[in-house]
């Protein structure tokens, strides 16, 4: 069974296979597929008029959609992988750009000048909270979505995560630790547990 560049071996371990370089034709085909799906979803959700969506499909040069496939992290590039993970897990705003400016004023320095030339925002505390509240995802909506082997329904998810279940041939990491400090032995649980984190 193969899912992306991973394969589930007979012993239950996940084996990784090196990925080949992506060709320009494959990037173009993927960009076109993304464009069609996004415009279809916008049209069905009422965010874009179906006539306008159909017209955008006729635009040349991707119709406003582009895909950058030039960034590639090698198997031994730990520093590059860490930079990518830090980029994906970055907060919605940078705390070092935020400062209090006397009573009732908050200043946020913009990472680059705005269209009108402003380099910072001067807000009241309530205005600042209003802007931050707009960044909070709606209830039961996740900020991050996982695909491939980390997708919720992937059969290889437990094999490639650190806290994996017992059904794939390996003892859970937490059962390998010393539990002498526990007041009483842990009771066995029925069924597999989903991993709580990926560390």
C-alpha atoms as a PDB file:
ATOM      1  CA  UNK A   1       0.000   0.000   0.000  1.00  0.00           C
ATOM      2  CA  UNK A   2       1.546   3.322  -1.087  1.00  0.00           C
ATOM      3  CA  UNK A   3       0.344   6.769   0.012  1.00  0.00           C
ATOM      4  CA  UNK A   4       2.422   9.553  -1.510  1.00  0.00           C
ATOM      5  CA  UNK A   5       6.116   8.869  -0.875  1.00  0.00           C
ATOM      6  CA  UNK A   6       5.428   6.514   2.047  1.00  0.00           C
ATOM      7  CA  UNK A   7       4.761   2.798   1.976  1.00  0.00           C
ATOM      8  CA  UNK A   8       3.541   0.616   4.818  1.00  0.00           C
ATOM      9  CA  UNK A   9       5.943  -2.313   5.145  1.00  0.00           C
ATOM     10  CA  UNK A  10       4.979  -5.802   6.313  1.00  0.00           C
ATOM     11  CA  UNK A  11       6.333  -5.129   9.820  1.00  0.00           C
ATOM     12  CA  UNK A  12       4.021  -2.120  10.212  1.00  0.00           C
ATOM     13  CA  UNK A  13       6.743   0.505   9.825  1.00  0.00           C
ATOM     14  CA  UNK A  14       6.422   3.345   7.319  1.00  0.00           C
ATOM     15  CA  UNK A  15       9.109   3.395   4.641  1.00  0.00           C
ATOM     16  CA  UNK A  16       9.860   6.624   2.800  1.00  0.00           C
ATOM     17  CA  UNK A  17      10.701   6.735  -0.903  1.00  0.00           C
ATOM     18  CA  UNK A  18      12.558   9.706  -2.429  1.00  0.00           C
ATOM     19  CA  UNK A  19      10.352  12.021  -4.465  1.00  0.00           C
ATOM     20  CA  UNK A  20      11.418  12.944  -7.957  1.00  0.00           C
ATOM     21  CA  UNK A  21      11.593  16.522  -9.187  1.00  0.00           C
ATOM     22  CA  UNK A  22       8.349  18.083 -10.425  1.00  0.00           C
ATOM     23  CA  UNK A  23       8.210  18.980 -14.109  1.00  0.00           C
ATOM     24  CA  UNK A  24       6.864  22.356 -15.332  1.00  0.00           C
ATOM     25  CA  UNK A  25       4.006  20.560 -17.102  1.00  0.00           C
ATOM     26  CA  UNK A  26       2.938  18.901 -13.823  1.00  0.00           C
ATOM     27  CA  UNK A  27       3.031  22.245 -11.990  1.00  0.00           C
ATOM     28  CA  UNK A  28       0.913  23.838 -14.721  1.00  0.00           C
ATOM     29  CA  UNK A  29      -1.621  20.986 -14.613  1.00  0.00           C
ATOM     30  CA  UNK A  30      -1.849  21.200 -10.808  1.00  0.00           C
ATOM     31  CA  UNK A  31      -2.311  24.989 -10.963  1.00  0.00           C
ATOM     32  CA  UNK A  32      -5.158  24.549 -13.439  1.00  0.00           C
ATOM     33  CA  UNK A  33      -6.805  21.918 -11.224  1.00  0.00           C
ATOM     34  CA  UNK A  34      -6.550  24.194  -8.176  1.00  0.00           C
ATOM     35  CA  UNK A  35      -7.961  27.123 -10.158  1.00  0.00           C
ATOM     36  CA  UNK A  36     -11.006  25.140 -11.313  1.00  0.00           C
ATOM     37  CA  UNK A  37     -11.732  23.743  -7.861  1.00  0.00           C
ATOM     38  CA  UNK A  38     -11.366  27.101  -6.069  1.00  0.00           C
ATOM     39  CA  UNK A  39     -13.587  28.922  -8.571  1.00  0.00           C
ATOM     40  CA  UNK A  40     -16.188  26.129  -8.376  1.00  0.00           C
ATOM     41  CA  UNK A  41     -16.171  26.308  -4.564  1.00  0.00           C
ATOM     42  CA  UNK A  42     -16.460  30.130  -4.626  1.00  0.00           C
ATOM     43  CA  UNK A  43     -19.390  29.837  -7.022  1.00  0.00           C
ATOM     44  CA  UNK A  44     -21.205  27.181  -4.948  1.00  0.00           C
ATOM     45  CA  UNK A  45     -20.643  29.142  -1.722  1.00  0.00           C
ATOM     46  CA  UNK A  46     -22.123  32.321  -3.186  1.00  0.00           C
ATOM     47  CA  UNK A  47     -18.829  34.210  -2.927  1.00  0.00           C
ATOM     48  CA  UNK A  48     -18.523  34.643  -6.696  1.00  0.00           C
ATOM     49  CA  UNK A  49     -21.120  34.935  -9.421  1.00  0.00           C
ATOM     50  CA  UNK A  50     -21.126  31.762 -11.596  1.00  0.00           C
ATOM     51  CA  UNK A  51     -20.875  33.876 -14.764  1.00  0.00           C
ATOM     52  CA  UNK A  52     -17.795  35.670 -13.406  1.00  0.00           C
ATOM     53  CA  UNK A  53     -16.273  32.347 -12.349  1.00  0.00           C
ATOM     54  CA  UNK A  54     -16.785  30.969 -15.853  1.00  0.00           C
ATOM     55  CA  UNK A  55     -15.161  34.058 -17.322  1.00  0.00           C
ATOM     56  CA  UNK A  56     -12.144  33.690 -15.034  1.00  0.00           C
ATOM     57  CA  UNK A  57     -11.618  30.171 -16.386  1.00  0.00           C
ATOM     58  CA  UNK A  58     -11.025  31.704 -19.834  1.00  0.00           C
ATOM     59  CA  UNK A  59      -8.286  34.044 -18.610  1.00  0.00           C
ATOM     60  CA  UNK A  60      -4.786  33.426 -19.931  1.00  0.00           C
ATOM     61  CA  UNK A  61      -1.729  32.856 -17.734  1.00  0.00           C
ATOM     62  CA  UNK A  62      -3.542  30.976 -14.975  1.00  0.00           C
ATOM     63  CA  UNK A  63      -6.310  33.513 -14.393  1.00  0.00           C
ATOM     64  CA  UNK A  64      -4.688  34.991 -11.296  1.00  0.00           C
ATOM     65  CA  UNK A  65      -3.548  31.641  -9.858  1.00  0.00           C
ATOM     66  CA  UNK A  66       0.073  30.614  -9.556  1.00  0.00           C
ATOM     67  CA  UNK A  67       1.969  27.821  -7.837  1.00  0.00           C
ATOM     68  CA  UNK A  68       5.580  28.072  -6.669  1.00  0.00           C
ATOM     69  CA  UNK A  69       7.199  24.629  -6.727  1.00  0.00           C
ATOM     70  CA  UNK A  70      10.781  25.876  -6.655  1.00  0.00           C
ATOM     71  CA  UNK A  71      11.277  25.332  -2.908  1.00  0.00           C
ATOM     72  CA  UNK A  72      12.507  21.831  -2.166  1.00  0.00           C
ATOM     73  CA  UNK A  73      13.885  20.469   1.088  1.00  0.00           C
ATOM     74  CA  UNK A  74      16.371  17.635   0.857  1.00  0.00           C
ATOM     75  CA  UNK A  75      16.189  14.545   3.033  1.00  0.00           C
ATOM     76  CA  UNK A  76      19.217  15.643   5.095  1.00  0.00           C
ATOM     77  CA  UNK A  77      18.377  19.365   5.250  1.00  0.00           C
ATOM     78  CA  UNK A  78      17.282  19.568   8.904  1.00  0.00           C
ATOM     79  CA  UNK A  79      17.754  23.353   9.037  1.00  0.00           C
ATOM     80  CA  UNK A  80      15.547  23.822   5.961  1.00  0.00           C
ATOM     81  CA  UNK A  81      12.865  21.573   7.413  1.00  0.00           C
ATOM     82  CA  UNK A  82      12.936  23.515  10.690  1.00  0.00           C
ATOM     83  CA  UNK A  83      12.565  26.832   8.809  1.00  0.00           C
ATOM     84  CA  UNK A  84       9.564  25.441   6.935  1.00  0.00           C
ATOM     85  CA  UNK A  85       7.900  24.156  10.111  1.00  0.00           C
ATOM     86  CA  UNK A  86       8.509  27.455  11.909  1.00  0.00           C
ATOM     87  CA  UNK A  87       6.989  29.297   8.939  1.00  0.00           C
ATOM     88  CA  UNK A  88       3.879  27.075   8.964  1.00  0.00           C
ATOM     89  CA  UNK A  89       3.454  27.403  12.751  1.00  0.00           C
ATOM     90  CA  UNK A  90       4.040  31.159  12.935  1.00  0.00           C
ATOM     91  CA  UNK A  91       1.488  33.230  14.873  1.00  0.00           C
ATOM     92  CA  UNK A  92      -0.982  35.527  13.152  1.00  0.00           C
ATOM     93  CA  UNK A  93       0.968  38.626  14.223  1.00  0.00           C
ATOM     94  CA  UNK A  94       4.457  39.327  15.569  1.00  0.00           C
ATOM     95  CA  UNK A  95       4.648  40.336  19.231  1.00  0.00           C
ATOM     96  CA  UNK A  96       7.941  42.192  18.687  1.00  0.00           C
ATOM     97  CA  UNK A  97       6.113  44.622  16.371  1.00  0.00           C
ATOM     98  CA  UNK A  98       3.602  45.501  19.086  1.00  0.00           C
ATOM     99  CA  UNK A  99       4.151  48.150  21.745  1.00  0.00           C
ATOM    100  CA  UNK A 100       2.102  50.251  24.150  1.00  0.00           C
ATOM    101  CA  UNK A 101       2.169  53.977  23.477  1.00  0.00           C
ATOM    102  CA  UNK A 102       0.868  55.591  26.603  1.00  0.00           C
ATOM    103  CA  UNK A 103      -2.611  55.203  28.065  1.00  0.00           C
ATOM    104  CA  UNK A 104      -5.215  54.040  25.594  1.00  0.00           C
ATOM    105  CA  UNK A 105      -2.908  53.590  22.586  1.00  0.00           C
ATOM    106  CA  UNK A 106      -1.355  50.528  20.968  1.00  0.00           C
ATOM    107  CA  UNK A 107       1.149  50.755  18.107  1.00  0.00           C
ATOM    108  CA  UNK A 108       1.724  47.907  15.658  1.00  0.00           C
ATOM    109  CA  UNK A 109       4.606  48.327  13.190  1.00  0.00           C
ATOM    110  CA  UNK A 110       3.728  46.906   9.781  1.00  0.00           C
ATOM    111  CA  UNK A 111       6.180  44.455   8.161  1.00  0.00           C
ATOM    112  CA  UNK A 112       6.082  46.573   4.971  1.00  0.00           C
ATOM    113  CA  UNK A 113       4.516  49.943   4.134  1.00  0.00           C
ATOM    114  CA  UNK A 114       0.783  49.924   3.390  1.00  0.00           C
ATOM    115  CA  UNK A 115      -0.676  51.192   0.095  1.00  0.00           C
ATOM    116  CA  UNK A 116      -1.114  54.668   1.612  1.00  0.00           C
ATOM    117  CA  UNK A 117       2.490  54.731   2.901  1.00  0.00           C
ATOM    118  CA  UNK A 118       1.741  54.028   6.574  1.00  0.00           C
ATOM    119  CA  UNK A 119       4.385  52.007   8.386  1.00  0.00           C
ATOM    120  CA  UNK A 120       2.467  51.513  11.643  1.00  0.00           C
ATOM    121  CA  UNK A 121      -1.051  51.318  13.031  1.00  0.00           C
ATOM    122  CA  UNK A 122      -2.055  53.405  16.043  1.00  0.00           C
ATOM    123  CA  UNK A 123      -5.082  51.799  17.676  1.00  0.00           C
ATOM    124  CA  UNK A 124      -7.083  51.983  20.838  1.00  0.00           C
ATOM    125  CA  UNK A 125      -7.100  48.750  22.888  1.00  0.00           C
ATOM    126  CA  UNK A 126     -10.652  47.983  21.707  1.00  0.00           C
ATOM    127  CA  UNK A 127      -9.713  48.554  18.049  1.00  0.00           C
ATOM    128  CA  UNK A 128      -6.719  46.261  18.499  1.00  0.00           C
ATOM    129  CA  UNK A 129      -8.895  43.544  20.072  1.00  0.00           C
ATOM    130  CA  UNK A 130     -11.389  43.948  17.230  1.00  0.00           C
ATOM    131  CA  UNK A 131      -8.654  43.313  14.657  1.00  0.00           C
ATOM    132  CA  UNK A 132      -7.335  40.304  16.571  1.00  0.00           C
ATOM    133  CA  UNK A 133     -10.832  38.841  16.986  1.00  0.00           C
ATOM    134  CA  UNK A 134     -11.185  38.855  13.188  1.00  0.00           C
ATOM    135  CA  UNK A 135      -8.193  36.469  12.988  1.00  0.00           C
ATOM    136  CA  UNK A 136      -9.753  33.845  15.290  1.00  0.00           C
ATOM    137  CA  UNK A 137     -11.133  30.913  13.276  1.00  0.00           C
ATOM    138  CA  UNK A 138     -14.859  30.185  13.639  1.00  0.00           C
ATOM    139  CA  UNK A 139     -15.878  27.435  16.092  1.00  0.00           C
ATOM    140  CA  UNK A 140     -15.012  23.893  14.992  1.00  0.00           C
ATOM    141  CA  UNK A 141     -12.835  25.207  12.133  1.00  0.00           C
ATOM    142  CA  UNK A 142      -9.168  24.244  12.138  1.00  0.00           C
ATOM    143  CA  UNK A 143      -6.402  26.699  11.251  1.00  0.00           C
ATOM    144  CA  UNK A 144      -4.242  23.917   9.821  1.00  0.00           C
ATOM    145  CA  UNK A 145      -5.328  21.162   7.489  1.00  0.00           C
ATOM    146  CA  UNK A 146      -3.157  18.102   7.027  1.00  0.00           C
ATOM    147  CA  UNK A 147      -2.870  16.155   3.781  1.00  0.00           C
ATOM    148  CA  UNK A 148      -1.036  13.048   2.639  1.00  0.00           C
ATOM    149  CA  UNK A 149       0.136  10.732   5.400  1.00  0.00           C
ATOM    150  CA  UNK A 150      -0.875  13.261   8.105  1.00  0.00           C
ATOM    151  CA  UNK A 151      -4.484  13.527   6.888  1.00  0.00           C
ATOM    152  CA  UNK A 152      -7.024  12.331   9.493  1.00  0.00           C
ATOM    153  CA  UNK A 153      -8.168   9.374   7.370  1.00  0.00           C
ATOM    154  CA  UNK A 154      -4.744   8.318   6.099  1.00  0.00           C
ATOM    155  CA  UNK A 155      -3.973   4.665   6.877  1.00  0.00           C
ATOM    156  CA  UNK A 156      -0.320   5.642   7.422  1.00  0.00           C
ATOM    157  CA  UNK A 157      -0.950   8.476   9.885  1.00  0.00           C
ATOM    158  CA  UNK A 158      -0.231   6.445  13.013  1.00  0.00           C
ATOM    159  CA  UNK A 159       2.847   4.883  11.443  1.00  0.00           C
ATOM    160  CA  UNK A 160       4.550   8.235  10.753  1.00  0.00           C
ATOM    161  CA  UNK A 161       3.654  10.105  13.956  1.00  0.00           C
ATOM    162  CA  UNK A 162       5.669   9.863  17.153  1.00  0.00           C
ATOM    163  CA  UNK A 163       2.685   9.015  19.377  1.00  0.00           C
ATOM    164  CA  UNK A 164       1.227   6.224  17.308  1.00  0.00           C
ATOM    165  CA  UNK A 165      -1.302   3.578  18.214  1.00  0.00           C
ATOM    166  CA  UNK A 166      -0.646   0.008  19.219  1.00  0.00           C
ATOM    167  CA  UNK A 167      -2.071  -1.615  16.119  1.00  0.00           C
ATOM    168  CA  UNK A 168       0.924  -1.030  13.846  1.00  0.00           C
ATOM    169  CA  UNK A 169       3.484  -3.288  15.453  1.00  0.00           C
ATOM    170  CA  UNK A 170       5.195  -0.840  17.797  1.00  0.00           C
ATOM    171  CA  UNK A 171       4.692  -0.177  21.466  1.00  0.00           C
ATOM    172  CA  UNK A 172       3.433   3.347  22.209  1.00  0.00           C
ATOM    173  CA  UNK A 173       6.173   5.715  23.316  1.00  0.00           C
ATOM    174  CA  UNK A 174       4.411   6.614  26.547  1.00  0.00           C
ATOM    175  CA  UNK A 175       4.411   2.953  27.657  1.00  0.00           C
ATOM    176  CA  UNK A 176       8.198   2.818  27.276  1.00  0.00           C
ATOM    177  CA  UNK A 177       8.773   5.517  29.902  1.00  0.00           C
ATOM    178  CA  UNK A 178       9.329   4.887  33.586  1.00  0.00           C
ATOM    179  CA  UNK A 179       6.004   4.886  35.426  1.00  0.00           C
ATOM    180  CA  UNK A 180       7.382   4.237  38.910  1.00  0.00           C
ATOM    181  CA  UNK A 181       6.106   7.630  40.024  1.00  0.00           C
ATOM    182  CA  UNK A 182       2.504   6.753  39.163  1.00  0.00           C
ATOM    183  CA  UNK A 183       0.349   6.162  42.248  1.00  0.00           C
ATOM    184  CA  UNK A 184      -1.293   3.126  40.649  1.00  0.00           C
ATOM    185  CA  UNK A 185      -0.734   1.152  37.473  1.00  0.00           C
ATOM    186  CA  UNK A 186      -2.548   2.377  34.423  1.00  0.00           C
ATOM    187  CA  UNK A 187      -5.525   0.353  33.292  1.00  0.00           C
ATOM    188  CA  UNK A 188      -5.552  -1.073  29.793  1.00  0.00           C
ATOM    189  CA  UNK A 189      -7.604   0.816  27.299  1.00  0.00           C
ATOM    190  CA  UNK A 190      -9.732  -0.804  24.658  1.00  0.00           C
ATOM    191  CA  UNK A 191      -9.197   0.244  21.050  1.00  0.00           C
ATOM    192  CA  UNK A 192      -6.525   2.415  19.537  1.00  0.00           C
ATOM    193  CA  UNK A 193      -5.869   5.947  20.678  1.00  0.00           C
ATOM    194  CA  UNK A 194      -5.304   8.750  18.218  1.00  0.00           C
ATOM    195  CA  UNK A 195      -2.044  10.700  18.633  1.00  0.00           C
ATOM    196  CA  UNK A 196      -2.399  13.893  20.631  1.00  0.00           C
ATOM    197  CA  UNK A 197       0.646  15.558  19.085  1.00  0.00           C
ATOM    198  CA  UNK A 198       3.420  14.920  16.572  1.00  0.00           C
ATOM    199  CA  UNK A 199       6.565  15.709  18.605  1.00  0.00           C
END
